[in-house]
Amino acid sequence: TSYNDAINDFSEAIKLNLKYAESYAARGNVYYCK
């Protein structure tokens, strides 16, 4: 539940791979939890 850190990491993954669908979905989960 370190949600801000999770968002930062998923965002970094997306920067490295703009087509990273799973990372968008995972970040969406964290935003929901927040």
PDB file of all heavy atoms in Angstrom:
ATOM      1  N   THR A   1       0.804  -1.221   0.000  1.00  0.00           N
ATOM      2  CA  THR A   1       0.000   0.000   0.000  1.00  0.00           C
ATOM      3  C   THR A   1       0.840   1.275   0.000  1.00  0.00           C
ATOM      4  O   THR A   1       0.388   2.313   0.490  1.00  0.00           O
ATOM      5  CB  THR A   1      -1.021   0.034   1.170  1.00  0.00           C
ATOM      6  OG1 THR A   1      -0.321   0.140   2.412  1.00  0.00           O
ATOM      7  CG2 THR A   1      -1.903  -1.206   1.164  1.00  0.00           C
ATOM      8  N   SER A   2       2.031   1.213  -0.554  1.00  0.00           N
ATOM      9  CA  SER A   2       2.834   2.431  -0.764  1.00  0.00           C
ATOM     10  C   SER A   2       2.438   2.989  -2.129  1.00  0.00           C
ATOM     11  O   SER A   2       3.174   2.874  -3.118  1.00  0.00           O
ATOM     12  CB  SER A   2       4.329   2.094  -0.712  1.00  0.00           C
ATOM     13  OG  SER A   2       4.693   1.588   0.555  1.00  0.00           O
ATOM     14  N   TYR A   3       1.252   3.587  -2.170  1.00  0.00           N
ATOM     15  CA  TYR A   3       0.631   3.909  -3.447  1.00  0.00           C
ATOM     16  C   TYR A   3       1.369   4.969  -4.256  1.00  0.00           C
ATOM     17  O   TYR A   3       1.451   4.874  -5.483  1.00  0.00           O
ATOM     18  CB  TYR A   3      -0.822   4.318  -3.222  1.00  0.00           C
ATOM     19  CG  TYR A   3      -1.685   3.205  -2.689  1.00  0.00           C
ATOM     20  CD1 TYR A   3      -2.645   3.436  -1.705  1.00  0.00           C
ATOM     21  CD2 TYR A   3      -1.545   1.906  -3.165  1.00  0.00           C
ATOM     22  CE1 TYR A   3      -3.438   2.407  -1.219  1.00  0.00           C
ATOM     23  CE2 TYR A   3      -2.327   0.870  -2.680  1.00  0.00           C
ATOM     24  CZ  TYR A   3      -3.268   1.124  -1.707  1.00  0.00           C
ATOM     25  OH  TYR A   3      -4.046   0.093  -1.218  1.00  0.00           O
ATOM     26  N   ASN A   4       1.886   5.988  -3.608  1.00  0.00           N
ATOM     27  CA  ASN A   4       2.605   7.016  -4.356  1.00  0.00           C
ATOM     28  C   ASN A   4       3.853   6.442  -5.018  1.00  0.00           C
ATOM     29  O   ASN A   4       4.170   6.772  -6.173  1.00  0.00           O
ATOM     30  CB  ASN A   4       2.969   8.179  -3.443  1.00  0.00           C
ATOM     31  CG  ASN A   4       1.758   9.001  -3.022  1.00  0.00           C
ATOM     32  OD1 ASN A   4       0.748   9.027  -3.719  1.00  0.00           O
ATOM     33  ND2 ASN A   4       1.850   9.663  -1.887  1.00  0.00           N
ATOM     34  N   ASP A   5       4.561   5.591  -4.293  1.00  0.00           N
ATOM     35  CA  ASP A   5       5.742   4.948  -4.870  1.00  0.00           C
ATOM     36  C   ASP A   5       5.345   4.044  -6.035  1.00  0.00           C
ATOM     37  O   ASP A   5       6.050   3.977  -7.053  1.00  0.00           O
ATOM     38  CB  ASP A   5       6.472   4.123  -3.804  1.00  0.00           C
ATOM     39  CG  ASP A   5       7.150   5.000  -2.761  1.00  0.00           C
ATOM     40  OD1 ASP A   5       7.620   6.097  -3.112  1.00  0.00           O
ATOM     41  OD2 ASP A   5       7.206   4.590  -1.578  1.00  0.00           O
ATOM     42  N   ALA A   6       4.226   3.353  -5.884  1.00  0.00           N
ATOM     43  CA  ALA A   6       3.751   2.473  -6.953  1.00  0.00           C
ATOM     44  C   ALA A   6       3.422   3.292  -8.205  1.00  0.00           C
ATOM     45  O   ALA A   6       3.806   2.928  -9.322  1.00  0.00           O
ATOM     46  CB  ALA A   6       2.524   1.692  -6.494  1.00  0.00           C
ATOM     47  N   ILE A   7       2.721   4.394  -8.023  1.00  0.00           N
ATOM     48  CA  ILE A   7       2.374   5.255  -9.162  1.00  0.00           C
ATOM     49  C   ILE A   7       3.632   5.758  -9.861  1.00  0.00           C
ATOM     50  O   ILE A   7       3.723   5.765 -11.093  1.00  0.00           O
ATOM     51  CB  ILE A   7       1.503   6.438  -8.693  1.00  0.00           C
ATOM     52  CG1 ILE A   7       0.091   5.945  -8.343  1.00  0.00           C
ATOM     53  CG2 ILE A   7       1.427   7.526  -9.776  1.00  0.00           C
ATOM     54  CD1 ILE A   7      -0.783   6.989  -7.690  1.00  0.00           C
ATOM     55  N   ASN A   8       4.621   6.166  -9.079  1.00  0.00           N
ATOM     56  CA  ASN A   8       5.873   6.644  -9.661  1.00  0.00           C
ATOM     57  C   ASN A   8       6.538   5.567 -10.508  1.00  0.00           C
ATOM     58  O   ASN A   8       7.047   5.839 -11.609  1.00  0.00           O
ATOM     59  CB  ASN A   8       6.825   7.111  -8.563  1.00  0.00           C
ATOM     60  CG  ASN A   8       6.379   8.403  -7.907  1.00  0.00           C
ATOM     61  OD1 ASN A   8       5.618   9.179  -8.494  1.00  0.00           O
ATOM     62  ND2 ASN A   8       6.834   8.637  -6.689  1.00  0.00           N
ATOM     63  N   ASP A   9       6.536   4.328 -10.003  1.00  0.00           N
ATOM     64  CA  ASP A   9       7.189   3.244 -10.746  1.00  0.00           C
ATOM     65  C   ASP A   9       6.412   2.877 -12.008  1.00  0.00           C
ATOM     66  O   ASP A   9       7.011   2.639 -13.067  1.00  0.00           O
ATOM     67  CB  ASP A   9       7.367   2.020  -9.852  1.00  0.00           C
ATOM     68  CG  ASP A   9       8.673   2.070  -9.074  1.00  0.00           C
ATOM     69  OD1 ASP A   9       9.406   3.077  -9.190  1.00  0.00           O
ATOM     70  OD2 ASP A   9       8.980   1.101  -8.352  1.00  0.00           O
ATOM     71  N   PHE A  10       5.103   2.793 -11.914  1.00  0.00           N
ATOM     72  CA  PHE A  10       4.313   2.484 -13.110  1.00  0.00           C
ATOM     73  C   PHE A  10       4.463   3.598 -14.144  1.00  0.00           C
ATOM     74  O   PHE A  10       4.526   3.330 -15.353  1.00  0.00           O
ATOM     75  CB  PHE A  10       2.844   2.279 -12.748  1.00  0.00           C
ATOM     76  CG  PHE A  10       2.587   1.063 -11.914  1.00  0.00           C
ATOM     77  CD1 PHE A  10       1.744   1.114 -10.810  1.00  0.00           C
ATOM     78  CD2 PHE A  10       3.188  -0.147 -12.216  1.00  0.00           C
ATOM     79  CE1 PHE A  10       1.503  -0.003 -10.034  1.00  0.00           C
ATOM     80  CE2 PHE A  10       2.960  -1.280 -11.445  1.00  0.00           C
ATOM     81  CZ  PHE A  10       2.123  -1.208 -10.354  1.00  0.00           C
ATOM     82  N   SER A  11       4.534   4.832 -13.675  1.00  0.00           N
ATOM     83  CA  SER A  11       4.721   5.960 -14.595  1.00  0.00           C
ATOM     84  C   SER A  11       6.080   5.878 -15.280  1.00  0.00           C
ATOM     85  O   SER A  11       6.205   6.169 -16.482  1.00  0.00           O
ATOM     86  CB  SER A  11       4.590   7.286 -13.842  1.00  0.00           C
ATOM     87  OG  SER A  11       3.293   7.444 -13.300  1.00  0.00           O
ATOM     88  N   GLU A  12       7.089   5.482 -14.525  1.00  0.00           N
ATOM     89  CA  GLU A  12       8.427   5.343 -15.107  1.00  0.00           C
ATOM     90  C   GLU A  12       8.443   4.222 -16.138  1.00  0.00           C
ATOM     91  O   GLU A  12       9.067   4.348 -17.206  1.00  0.00           O
ATOM     92  CB  GLU A  12       9.447   5.057 -14.009  1.00  0.00           C
ATOM     93  CG  GLU A  12      10.891   5.171 -14.454  1.00  0.00           C
ATOM     94  CD  GLU A  12      11.276   6.566 -14.900  1.00  0.00           C
ATOM     95  OE1 GLU A  12      10.728   7.544 -14.345  1.00  0.00           O
ATOM     96  OE2 GLU A  12      12.118   6.689 -15.823  1.00  0.00           O
ATOM     97  N   ALA A  13       7.749   3.126 -15.836  1.00  0.00           N
ATOM     98  CA  ALA A  13       7.667   2.019 -16.792  1.00  0.00           C
ATOM     99  C   ALA A  13       6.994   2.472 -18.082  1.00  0.00           C
ATOM    100  O   ALA A  13       7.410   2.089 -19.178  1.00  0.00           O
ATOM    101  CB  ALA A  13       6.904   0.850 -16.173  1.00  0.00           C
ATOM    102  N   ILE A  14       5.969   3.302 -17.956  1.00  0.00           N
ATOM    103  CA  ILE A  14       5.252   3.805 -19.132  1.00  0.00           C
ATOM    104  C   ILE A  14       6.148   4.737 -19.947  1.00  0.00           C
ATOM    105  O   ILE A  14       6.128   4.716 -21.183  1.00  0.00           O
ATOM    106  CB  ILE A  14       3.953   4.515 -18.701  1.00  0.00           C
ATOM    107  CG1 ILE A  14       2.950   3.492 -18.165  1.00  0.00           C
ATOM    108  CG2 ILE A  14       3.358   5.309 -19.864  1.00  0.00           C
ATOM    109  CD1 ILE A  14       1.771   4.102 -17.435  1.00  0.00           C
ATOM    110  N   LYS A  15       6.953   5.554 -19.274  1.00  0.00           N
ATOM    111  CA  LYS A  15       7.890   6.426 -19.988  1.00  0.00           C
ATOM    112  C   LYS A  15       8.865   5.600 -20.832  1.00  0.00           C
ATOM    113  O   LYS A  15       9.244   5.995 -21.940  1.00  0.00           O
ATOM    114  CB  LYS A  15       8.670   7.288 -19.002  1.00  0.00           C
ATOM    115  CG  LYS A  15       7.865   8.387 -18.323  1.00  0.00           C
ATOM    116  CD  LYS A  15       8.733   9.149 -17.347  1.00  0.00           C
ATOM    117  CE  LYS A  15       7.930  10.188 -16.585  1.00  0.00           C
ATOM    118  NZ  LYS A  15       8.771  10.903 -15.581  1.00  0.00           N
ATOM    119  N   LEU A  16       9.270   4.466 -20.277  1.00  0.00           N
ATOM    120  CA  LEU A  16      10.232   3.610 -20.973  1.00  0.00           C
ATOM    121  C   LEU A  16       9.575   2.788 -22.078  1.00  0.00           C
ATOM    122  O   LEU A  16      10.227   2.391 -23.044  1.00  0.00           O
ATOM    123  CB  LEU A  16      10.917   2.680 -19.968  1.00  0.00           C
ATOM    124  CG  LEU A  16      11.815   3.379 -18.941  1.00  0.00           C
ATOM    125  CD1 LEU A  16      12.183   2.411 -17.832  1.00  0.00           C
ATOM    126  CD2 LEU A  16      13.067   3.922 -19.614  1.00  0.00           C
ATOM    127  N   ASN A  17       8.278   2.519 -21.910  1.00  0.00           N
ATOM    128  CA  ASN A  17       7.529   1.734 -22.894  1.00  0.00           C
ATOM    129  C   ASN A  17       6.132   2.330 -23.013  1.00  0.00           C
ATOM    130  O   ASN A  17       5.246   2.017 -22.216  1.00  0.00           O
ATOM    131  CB  ASN A  17       7.459   0.264 -22.474  1.00  0.00           C
ATOM    132  CG  ASN A  17       6.687  -0.589 -23.455  1.00  0.00           C
ATOM    133  OD1 ASN A  17       6.184  -0.104 -24.473  1.00  0.00           O
ATOM    134  ND2 ASN A  17       6.550  -1.880 -23.162  1.00  0.00           N
ATOM    135  N   LEU A  18       5.954   3.191 -23.999  1.00  0.00           N
ATOM    136  CA  LEU A  18       4.703   3.936 -24.128  1.00  0.00           C
ATOM    137  C   LEU A  18       3.500   3.053 -24.440  1.00  0.00           C
ATOM    138  O   LEU A  18       2.360   3.488 -24.315  1.00  0.00           O
ATOM    139  CB  LEU A  18       4.845   5.002 -25.221  1.00  0.00           C
ATOM    140  CG  LEU A  18       5.896   6.091 -24.951  1.00  0.00           C
ATOM    141  CD1 LEU A  18       5.974   7.040 -26.144  1.00  0.00           C
ATOM    142  CD2 LEU A  18       5.556   6.868 -23.679  1.00  0.00           C
ATOM    143  N   LYS A  19       3.751   1.800 -24.822  1.00  0.00           N
ATOM    144  CA  LYS A  19       2.656   0.884 -25.151  1.00  0.00           C
ATOM    145  C   LYS A  19       2.453  -0.169 -24.059  1.00  0.00           C
ATOM    146  O   LYS A  19       1.892  -1.236 -24.313  1.00  0.00           O
ATOM    147  CB  LYS A  19       2.926   0.215 -26.493  1.00  0.00           C
ATOM    148  CG  LYS A  19       2.935   1.190 -27.657  1.00  0.00           C
ATOM    149  CD  LYS A  19       3.115   0.481 -28.993  1.00  0.00           C
ATOM    150  CE  LYS A  19       3.069   1.470 -30.144  1.00  0.00           C
ATOM    151  NZ  LYS A  19       3.236   0.783 -31.465  1.00  0.00           N
ATOM    152  N   TYR A  20       2.867   0.140 -22.858  1.00  0.00           N
ATOM    153  CA  TYR A  20       2.833  -0.808 -21.740  1.00  0.00           C
ATOM    154  C   TYR A  20       1.423  -0.839 -21.133  1.00  0.00           C
ATOM    155  O   TYR A  20       1.149  -0.218 -20.106  1.00  0.00           O
ATOM    156  CB  TYR A  20       3.852  -0.399 -20.699  1.00  0.00           C
ATOM    157  CG  TYR A  20       4.395  -1.507 -19.845  1.00  0.00           C
ATOM    158  CD1 TYR A  20       5.640  -1.377 -19.232  1.00  0.00           C
ATOM    159  CD2 TYR A  20       3.690  -2.684 -19.631  1.00  0.00           C
ATOM    160  CE1 TYR A  20       6.155  -2.374 -18.441  1.00  0.00           C
ATOM    161  CE2 TYR A  20       4.191  -3.683 -18.839  1.00  0.00           C
ATOM    162  CZ  TYR A  20       5.431  -3.524 -18.243  1.00  0.00           C
ATOM    163  OH  TYR A  20       5.942  -4.522 -17.449  1.00  0.00           O
ATOM    164  N   ALA A  21       0.536  -1.583 -21.751  1.00  0.00           N
ATOM    165  CA  ALA A  21      -0.868  -1.610 -21.325  1.00  0.00           C
ATOM    166  C   ALA A  21      -1.029  -2.063 -19.880  1.00  0.00           C
ATOM    167  O   ALA A  21      -1.831  -1.499 -19.125  1.00  0.00           O
ATOM    168  CB  ALA A  21      -1.666  -2.524 -22.256  1.00  0.00           C
ATOM    169  N   GLU A  22      -0.283  -3.090 -19.495  1.00  0.00           N
ATOM    170  CA  GLU A  22      -0.417  -3.620 -18.133  1.00  0.00           C
ATOM    171  C   GLU A  22      -0.023  -2.586 -17.083  1.00  0.00           C
ATOM    172  O   GLU A  22      -0.585  -2.555 -15.989  1.00  0.00           O
ATOM    173  CB  GLU A  22       0.429  -4.891 -17.973  1.00  0.00           C
ATOM    174  CG  GLU A  22      -0.074  -6.087 -18.772  1.00  0.00           C
ATOM    175  CD  GLU A  22       0.366  -6.067 -20.221  1.00  0.00           C
ATOM    176  OE1 GLU A  22       1.123  -5.139 -20.606  1.00  0.00           O
ATOM    177  OE2 GLU A  22      -0.045  -6.965 -20.976  1.00  0.00           O
ATOM    178  N   SER A  23       0.949  -1.748 -17.415  1.00  0.00           N
ATOM    179  CA  SER A  23       1.365  -0.732 -16.456  1.00  0.00           C
ATOM    180  C   SER A  23       0.306   0.358 -16.311  1.00  0.00           C
ATOM    181  O   SER A  23       0.072   0.873 -15.213  1.00  0.00           O
ATOM    182  CB  SER A  23       2.710  -0.121 -16.881  1.00  0.00           C
ATOM    183  OG  SER A  23       3.371   0.451 -15.770  1.00  0.00           O
ATOM    184  N   TYR A  24      -0.352   0.708 -17.408  1.00  0.00           N
ATOM    185  CA  TYR A  24      -1.484   1.640 -17.303  1.00  0.00           C
ATOM    186  C   TYR A  24      -2.584   1.040 -16.424  1.00  0.00           C
ATOM    187  O   TYR A  24      -3.152   1.729 -15.565  1.00  0.00           O
ATOM    188  CB  TYR A  24      -2.049   1.942 -18.685  1.00  0.00           C
ATOM    189  CG  TYR A  24      -1.355   3.053 -19.423  1.00  0.00           C
ATOM    190  CD1 TYR A  24      -0.532   2.790 -20.516  1.00  0.00           C
ATOM    191  CD2 TYR A  24      -1.538   4.385 -19.054  1.00  0.00           C
ATOM    192  CE1 TYR A  24       0.105   3.821 -21.208  1.00  0.00           C
ATOM    193  CE2 TYR A  24      -0.912   5.421 -19.744  1.00  0.00           C
ATOM    194  CZ  TYR A  24      -0.091   5.130 -20.815  1.00  0.00           C
ATOM    195  OH  TYR A  24       0.528   6.144 -21.490  1.00  0.00           O
ATOM    196  N   ALA A  25      -2.890  -0.242 -16.656  1.00  0.00           N
ATOM    197  CA  ALA A  25      -3.946  -0.889 -15.873  1.00  0.00           C
ATOM    198  C   ALA A  25      -3.577  -0.941 -14.400  1.00  0.00           C
ATOM    199  O   ALA A  25      -4.418  -0.689 -13.522  1.00  0.00           O
ATOM    200  CB  ALA A  25      -4.199  -2.292 -16.413  1.00  0.00           C
ATOM    201  N   ALA A  26      -2.314  -1.258 -14.118  1.00  0.00           N
ATOM    202  CA  ALA A  26      -1.868  -1.342 -12.726  1.00  0.00           C
ATOM    203  C   ALA A  26      -1.908   0.025 -12.058  1.00  0.00           C
ATOM    204  O   ALA A  26      -2.325   0.155 -10.903  1.00  0.00           O
ATOM    205  CB  ALA A  26      -0.450  -1.921 -12.672  1.00  0.00           C
ATOM    206  N   ARG A  27      -1.487   1.055 -12.791  1.00  0.00           N
ATOM    207  CA  ARG A  27      -1.540   2.408 -12.220  1.00  0.00           C
ATOM    208  C   ARG A  27      -2.981   2.828 -11.976  1.00  0.00           C
ATOM    209  O   ARG A  27      -3.295   3.494 -10.982  1.00  0.00           O
ATOM    210  CB  ARG A  27      -0.832   3.402 -13.138  1.00  0.00           C
ATOM    211  CG  ARG A  27      -0.579   4.757 -12.479  1.00  0.00           C
ATOM    212  CD  ARG A  27       0.248   5.672 -13.366  1.00  0.00           C
ATOM    213  NE  ARG A  27      -0.488   6.083 -14.564  1.00  0.00           N
ATOM    214  CZ  ARG A  27       0.003   6.921 -15.478  1.00  0.00           C
ATOM    215  NH1 ARG A  27       1.228   7.414 -15.334  1.00  0.00           N
ATOM    216  NH2 ARG A  27      -0.719   7.261 -16.533  1.00  0.00           N
ATOM    217  N   GLY A  28      -3.876   2.387 -12.873  1.00  0.00           N
ATOM    218  CA  GLY A  28      -5.294   2.657 -12.658  1.00  0.00           C
ATOM    219  C   GLY A  28      -5.792   2.034 -11.367  1.00  0.00           C
ATOM    220  O   GLY A  28      -6.582   2.641 -10.625  1.00  0.00           O
ATOM    221  N   ASN A  29      -5.329   0.819 -11.064  1.00  0.00           N
ATOM    222  CA  ASN A  29      -5.717   0.169  -9.812  1.00  0.00           C
ATOM    223  C   ASN A  29      -5.286   0.992  -8.610  1.00  0.00           C
ATOM    224  O   ASN A  29      -6.025   1.144  -7.625  1.00  0.00           O
ATOM    225  CB  ASN A  29      -5.076  -1.215  -9.716  1.00  0.00           C
ATOM    226  CG  ASN A  29      -5.626  -2.191 -10.727  1.00  0.00           C
ATOM    227  OD1 ASN A  29      -6.610  -1.918 -11.407  1.00  0.00           O
ATOM    228  ND2 ASN A  29      -4.981  -3.340 -10.842  1.00  0.00           N
ATOM    229  N   VAL A  30      -4.070   1.531  -8.681  1.00  0.00           N
ATOM    230  CA  VAL A  30      -3.557   2.310  -7.556  1.00  0.00           C
ATOM    231  C   VAL A  30      -4.329   3.614  -7.406  1.00  0.00           C
ATOM    232  O   VAL A  30      -4.668   4.022  -6.289  1.00  0.00           O
ATOM    233  CB  VAL A  30      -2.050   2.593  -7.726  1.00  0.00           C
ATOM    234  CG1 VAL A  30      -1.515   3.372  -6.526  1.00  0.00           C
ATOM    235  CG2 VAL A  30      -1.271   1.295  -7.877  1.00  0.00           C
ATOM    236  N   TYR A  31      -4.605   4.261  -8.528  1.00  0.00           N
ATOM    237  CA  TYR A  31      -5.405   5.486  -8.449  1.00  0.00           C
ATOM    238  C   TYR A  31      -6.763   5.195  -7.806  1.00  0.00           C
ATOM    239  O   TYR A  31      -7.271   5.993  -7.013  1.00  0.00           O
ATOM    240  CB  TYR A  31      -5.606   6.086  -9.843  1.00  0.00           C
ATOM    241  CG  TYR A  31      -4.461   6.951 -10.318  1.00  0.00           C
ATOM    242  CD1 TYR A  31      -3.899   6.768 -11.574  1.00  0.00           C
ATOM    243  CD2 TYR A  31      -3.955   7.970  -9.510  1.00  0.00           C
ATOM    244  CE1 TYR A  31      -2.846   7.563 -12.015  1.00  0.00           C
ATOM    245  CE2 TYR A  31      -2.907   8.770  -9.941  1.00  0.00           C
ATOM    246  CZ  TYR A  31      -2.359   8.562 -11.193  1.00  0.00           C
ATOM    247  OH  TYR A  31      -1.321   9.355 -11.621  1.00  0.00           O
ATOM    248  N   TYR A  32      -7.343   4.045  -8.163  1.00  0.00           N
ATOM    249  CA  TYR A  32      -8.624   3.689  -7.559  1.00  0.00           C
ATOM    250  C   TYR A  32      -8.474   3.527  -6.047  1.00  0.00           C
ATOM    251  O   TYR A  32      -9.296   4.022  -5.272  1.00  0.00           O
ATOM    252  CB  TYR A  32      -9.168   2.400  -8.160  1.00  0.00           C
ATOM    253  CG  TYR A  32     -10.460   1.952  -7.514  1.00  0.00           C
ATOM    254  CD1 TYR A  32     -11.685   2.439  -7.960  1.00  0.00           C
ATOM    255  CD2 TYR A  32     -10.459   1.076  -6.426  1.00  0.00           C
ATOM    256  CE1 TYR A  32     -12.872   2.070  -7.350  1.00  0.00           C
ATOM    257  CE2 TYR A  32     -11.639   0.703  -5.814  1.00  0.00           C
ATOM    258  CZ  TYR A  32     -12.841   1.196  -6.271  1.00  0.00           C
ATOM    259  OH  TYR A  32     -14.006   0.834  -5.646  1.00  0.00           O
ATOM    260  N   CYS A  33      -7.427   2.828  -5.642  1.00  0.00           N
ATOM    261  CA  CYS A  33      -7.201   2.617  -4.214  1.00  0.00           C
ATOM    262  C   CYS A  33      -7.006   3.934  -3.471  1.00  0.00           C
ATOM    263  O   CYS A  33      -7.320   4.035  -2.285  1.00  0.00           O
ATOM    264  CB  CYS A  33      -5.988   1.715  -4.002  1.00  0.00           C
ATOM    265  SG  CYS A  33      -6.220   0.002  -4.527  1.00  0.00           S
ATOM    266  N   LYS A  34      -6.503   4.951  -4.174  1.00  0.00           N
ATOM    267  CA  LYS A  34      -6.317   6.270  -3.573  1.00  0.00           C
ATOM    268  C   LYS A  34      -7.582   7.131  -3.664  1.00  0.00           C
ATOM    269  O   LYS A  34      -7.611   8.242  -3.147  1.00  0.00           O
ATOM    270  CB  LYS A  34      -5.164   7.002  -4.266  1.00  0.00           C
ATOM    271  CG  LYS A  34      -3.788   6.502  -3.885  1.00  0.00           C
ATOM    272  CD  LYS A  34      -2.709   7.148  -4.737  1.00  0.00           C
ATOM    273  CE  LYS A  34      -2.659   8.654  -4.590  1.00  0.00           C
ATOM    274  NZ  LYS A  34      -2.195   9.093  -3.235  1.00  0.00           N
TER     275      LYS A  34
END
